[in-house]
Amino acid sequence: MKLFETNQNSAERVTRFVISIFLLPSFFIPEPSWYATLVGSVGCVLLFNAVVGTCYIYRLFRANTCDIPSKG
C-alpha cells in the first residue's frame, strides 16, 4: 500500500476543493479565535485531500470511491 494512493473519484475531489476555498479565508479574519483556526484547519485538510486525492479516513475504513462513476 502506497502512502499517497488515490482513493477518491474526481467529483469528490472537486467538491472538497471548492469547500476548502470557502473555509481557508477564516485565517484572515480581524479577530482570530479558536473557531476560526479550526475552520481554517479543516479547509487545509480538505485542500490537501483534493490535491493529492488521498483521504486517510477512507484508508482507515478501507473505502475507495475511485470505482464510483461521476455523474455529469
N, C-alpha and C. Protein backbone atom coordinates (compact mmCIF):
# COMPACT_ATOMS: atom_id res chain seq x y z
N MET A 1 0.85 -1.18 0.00
CA MET A 1 0.00 0.00 0.00
C MET A 1 0.90 1.24 0.00
N LYS A 2 0.69 2.10 -0.98
CA LYS A 2 1.47 3.32 -1.10
C LYS A 2 0.94 4.40 -0.15
N LEU A 3 1.79 5.36 0.16
CA LEU A 3 1.43 6.43 1.08
C LEU A 3 0.35 7.34 0.49
N PHE A 4 0.48 7.71 -0.78
CA PHE A 4 -0.48 8.62 -1.40
C PHE A 4 -1.28 7.90 -2.49
N GLU A 5 -1.82 6.76 -2.18
CA GLU A 5 -2.64 6.01 -3.13
C GLU A 5 -3.99 6.71 -3.27
N THR A 6 -4.38 7.01 -4.49
CA THR A 6 -5.63 7.73 -4.74
C THR A 6 -6.82 6.85 -4.37
N ASN A 7 -7.73 7.41 -3.56
CA ASN A 7 -8.93 6.67 -3.17
C ASN A 7 -10.19 7.54 -3.26
N GLN A 8 -10.13 8.61 -4.06
CA GLN A 8 -11.29 9.49 -4.25
C GLN A 8 -11.54 9.68 -5.74
N ASN A 9 -12.82 9.72 -6.11
CA ASN A 9 -13.12 9.99 -7.51
C ASN A 9 -13.01 11.48 -7.79
N SER A 10 -13.05 11.86 -9.06
CA SER A 10 -12.79 13.25 -9.43
C SER A 10 -13.87 14.21 -8.93
N ALA A 11 -15.13 13.80 -8.91
CA ALA A 11 -16.20 14.68 -8.44
C ALA A 11 -16.02 15.00 -6.96
N GLU A 12 -15.61 14.03 -6.19
CA GLU A 12 -15.39 14.24 -4.76
C GLU A 12 -14.20 15.17 -4.53
N ARG A 13 -13.18 15.03 -5.34
CA ARG A 13 -12.00 15.89 -5.21
C ARG A 13 -12.35 17.34 -5.53
N VAL A 14 -13.16 17.56 -6.56
CA VAL A 14 -13.58 18.92 -6.92
C VAL A 14 -14.44 19.51 -5.80
N THR A 15 -15.33 18.72 -5.25
CA THR A 15 -16.19 19.19 -4.15
C THR A 15 -15.35 19.59 -2.94
N ARG A 16 -14.38 18.78 -2.58
CA ARG A 16 -13.51 19.11 -1.45
C ARG A 16 -12.71 20.38 -1.73
N PHE A 17 -12.27 20.56 -2.97
CA PHE A 17 -11.51 21.76 -3.32
C PHE A 17 -12.37 23.01 -3.19
N VAL A 18 -13.59 22.97 -3.69
CA VAL A 18 -14.48 24.13 -3.63
C VAL A 18 -14.81 24.47 -2.17
N ILE A 19 -15.09 23.48 -1.36
CA ILE A 19 -15.38 23.73 0.05
C ILE A 19 -14.16 24.32 0.76
N SER A 20 -12.99 23.83 0.43
CA SER A 20 -11.77 24.35 1.08
C SER A 20 -11.52 25.80 0.71
N ILE A 21 -11.86 26.20 -0.51
CA ILE A 21 -11.69 27.59 -0.93
C ILE A 21 -12.54 28.53 -0.06
N PHE A 22 -13.72 28.07 0.35
CA PHE A 22 -14.58 28.89 1.21
C PHE A 22 -14.13 28.88 2.67
N LEU A 23 -13.43 27.84 3.12
CA LEU A 23 -13.03 27.74 4.52
C LEU A 23 -11.68 28.39 4.81
N LEU A 24 -10.79 28.43 3.85
CA LEU A 24 -9.44 28.95 4.09
C LEU A 24 -9.37 30.42 4.47
N PRO A 25 -10.22 31.30 3.98
CA PRO A 25 -10.12 32.71 4.40
C PRO A 25 -10.40 32.96 5.88
N SER A 26 -10.86 31.97 6.61
CA SER A 26 -11.12 32.17 8.04
C SER A 26 -9.85 32.48 8.81
N PHE A 27 -8.69 32.15 8.26
CA PHE A 27 -7.43 32.50 8.92
C PHE A 27 -7.19 34.01 8.93
N PHE A 28 -7.84 34.74 8.04
CA PHE A 28 -7.56 36.17 7.85
C PHE A 28 -8.63 37.09 8.41
N ILE A 29 -9.48 36.60 9.30
CA ILE A 29 -10.49 37.47 9.89
C ILE A 29 -9.82 38.40 10.90
N PRO A 30 -10.37 39.58 11.13
CA PRO A 30 -9.71 40.56 12.00
C PRO A 30 -9.47 40.09 13.44
N GLU A 31 -10.42 39.38 14.02
CA GLU A 31 -10.27 38.89 15.39
C GLU A 31 -10.24 37.37 15.39
N PRO A 32 -9.05 36.78 15.28
CA PRO A 32 -8.98 35.32 15.22
C PRO A 32 -9.43 34.67 16.52
N SER A 33 -10.03 33.53 16.40
CA SER A 33 -10.48 32.76 17.57
C SER A 33 -10.16 31.30 17.34
N TRP A 34 -10.44 30.47 18.31
CA TRP A 34 -10.18 29.05 18.17
C TRP A 34 -11.08 28.46 17.08
N TYR A 35 -12.30 29.01 16.94
CA TYR A 35 -13.22 28.52 15.92
C TYR A 35 -12.70 28.82 14.51
N ALA A 36 -12.18 30.03 14.31
CA ALA A 36 -11.63 30.39 13.01
C ALA A 36 -10.42 29.52 12.68
N THR A 37 -9.61 29.23 13.68
CA THR A 37 -8.46 28.36 13.47
C THR A 37 -8.90 26.94 13.12
N LEU A 38 -9.93 26.46 13.78
CA LEU A 38 -10.46 25.13 13.49
C LEU A 38 -11.02 25.05 12.08
N VAL A 39 -11.80 26.05 11.68
CA VAL A 39 -12.38 26.07 10.34
C VAL A 39 -11.28 26.15 9.28
N GLY A 40 -10.28 26.98 9.51
CA GLY A 40 -9.17 27.09 8.58
C GLY A 40 -8.38 25.79 8.48
N SER A 41 -8.22 25.11 9.60
CA SER A 41 -7.51 23.83 9.59
C SER A 41 -8.27 22.77 8.81
N VAL A 42 -9.58 22.74 8.96
CA VAL A 42 -10.40 21.82 8.17
C VAL A 42 -10.27 22.14 6.68
N GLY A 43 -10.22 23.43 6.35
CA GLY A 43 -10.02 23.84 4.96
C GLY A 43 -8.68 23.36 4.42
N CYS A 44 -7.63 23.42 5.25
CA CYS A 44 -6.31 22.93 4.82
C CYS A 44 -6.33 21.43 4.57
N VAL A 45 -6.98 20.69 5.44
CA VAL A 45 -7.07 19.24 5.27
C VAL A 45 -7.84 18.90 4.01
N LEU A 46 -8.96 19.59 3.77
CA LEU A 46 -9.74 19.33 2.56
C LEU A 46 -8.96 19.70 1.30
N LEU A 47 -8.19 20.77 1.35
CA LEU A 47 -7.37 21.16 0.20
C LEU A 47 -6.31 20.10 -0.07
N PHE A 48 -5.67 19.61 0.97
CA PHE A 48 -4.68 18.54 0.81
C PHE A 48 -5.32 17.31 0.19
N ASN A 49 -6.50 16.92 0.71
CA ASN A 49 -7.21 15.76 0.16
C ASN A 49 -7.56 15.94 -1.31
N ALA A 50 -7.98 17.15 -1.67
CA ALA A 50 -8.38 17.41 -3.05
C ALA A 50 -7.19 17.37 -3.99
N VAL A 51 -6.07 17.92 -3.57
CA VAL A 51 -4.90 17.97 -4.45
C VAL A 51 -4.25 16.60 -4.60
N VAL A 52 -4.09 15.90 -3.49
CA VAL A 52 -3.40 14.61 -3.51
C VAL A 52 -4.32 13.48 -3.95
N GLY A 53 -5.60 13.56 -3.60
CA GLY A 53 -6.55 12.51 -3.97
C GLY A 53 -6.61 11.38 -2.96
N THR A 54 -6.02 11.58 -1.80
CA THR A 54 -5.99 10.56 -0.77
C THR A 54 -6.68 11.08 0.49
N CYS A 55 -7.63 10.31 0.99
CA CYS A 55 -8.28 10.62 2.26
C CYS A 55 -7.88 9.53 3.25
N TYR A 56 -7.21 9.94 4.33
CA TYR A 56 -6.71 8.95 5.28
C TYR A 56 -7.82 8.35 6.14
N ILE A 57 -8.93 9.04 6.28
CA ILE A 57 -10.08 8.43 6.96
C ILE A 57 -10.65 7.31 6.10
N TYR A 58 -10.67 7.51 4.79
CA TYR A 58 -11.09 6.44 3.88
C TYR A 58 -10.15 5.24 4.00
N ARG A 59 -8.86 5.52 4.10
CA ARG A 59 -7.90 4.42 4.23
C ARG A 59 -8.10 3.66 5.53
N LEU A 60 -8.46 4.37 6.58
CA LEU A 60 -8.70 3.72 7.87
C LEU A 60 -9.84 2.71 7.77
N PHE A 61 -10.90 3.07 7.03
CA PHE A 61 -12.06 2.20 6.85
C PHE A 61 -12.01 1.38 5.57
N ARG A 62 -10.89 1.43 4.84
CA ARG A 62 -10.68 0.71 3.59
C ARG A 62 -11.74 1.05 2.53
N ALA A 63 -12.10 2.32 2.48
CA ALA A 63 -13.08 2.80 1.50
C ALA A 63 -12.33 3.33 0.27
N ASN A 64 -12.94 3.19 -0.89
CA ASN A 64 -12.36 3.68 -2.12
C ASN A 64 -13.51 4.10 -3.04
N THR A 65 -13.55 5.38 -3.40
CA THR A 65 -14.63 5.86 -4.26
C THR A 65 -14.17 6.05 -5.70
N CYS A 66 -12.97 5.59 -6.04
CA CYS A 66 -12.47 5.74 -7.42
C CYS A 66 -13.33 4.95 -8.40
N ASP A 67 -13.89 3.84 -7.96
CA ASP A 67 -14.67 2.99 -8.86
C ASP A 67 -16.09 3.50 -9.06
N ILE A 68 -16.53 4.48 -8.27
CA ILE A 68 -17.86 5.04 -8.40
C ILE A 68 -17.82 6.08 -9.51
N PRO A 69 -18.61 5.90 -10.58
CA PRO A 69 -18.54 6.86 -11.69
C PRO A 69 -19.12 8.23 -11.31
N SER A 70 -18.52 9.25 -11.85
CA SER A 70 -19.00 10.63 -11.62
C SER A 70 -20.15 10.91 -12.55
N LYS A 71 -21.19 11.54 -12.03
CA LYS A 71 -22.33 11.93 -12.87
C LYS A 71 -22.05 13.31 -13.43
N GLY A 72 -22.38 13.51 -14.66
CA GLY A 72 -22.19 14.85 -15.20
C GLY A 72 -21.71 14.90 -16.55
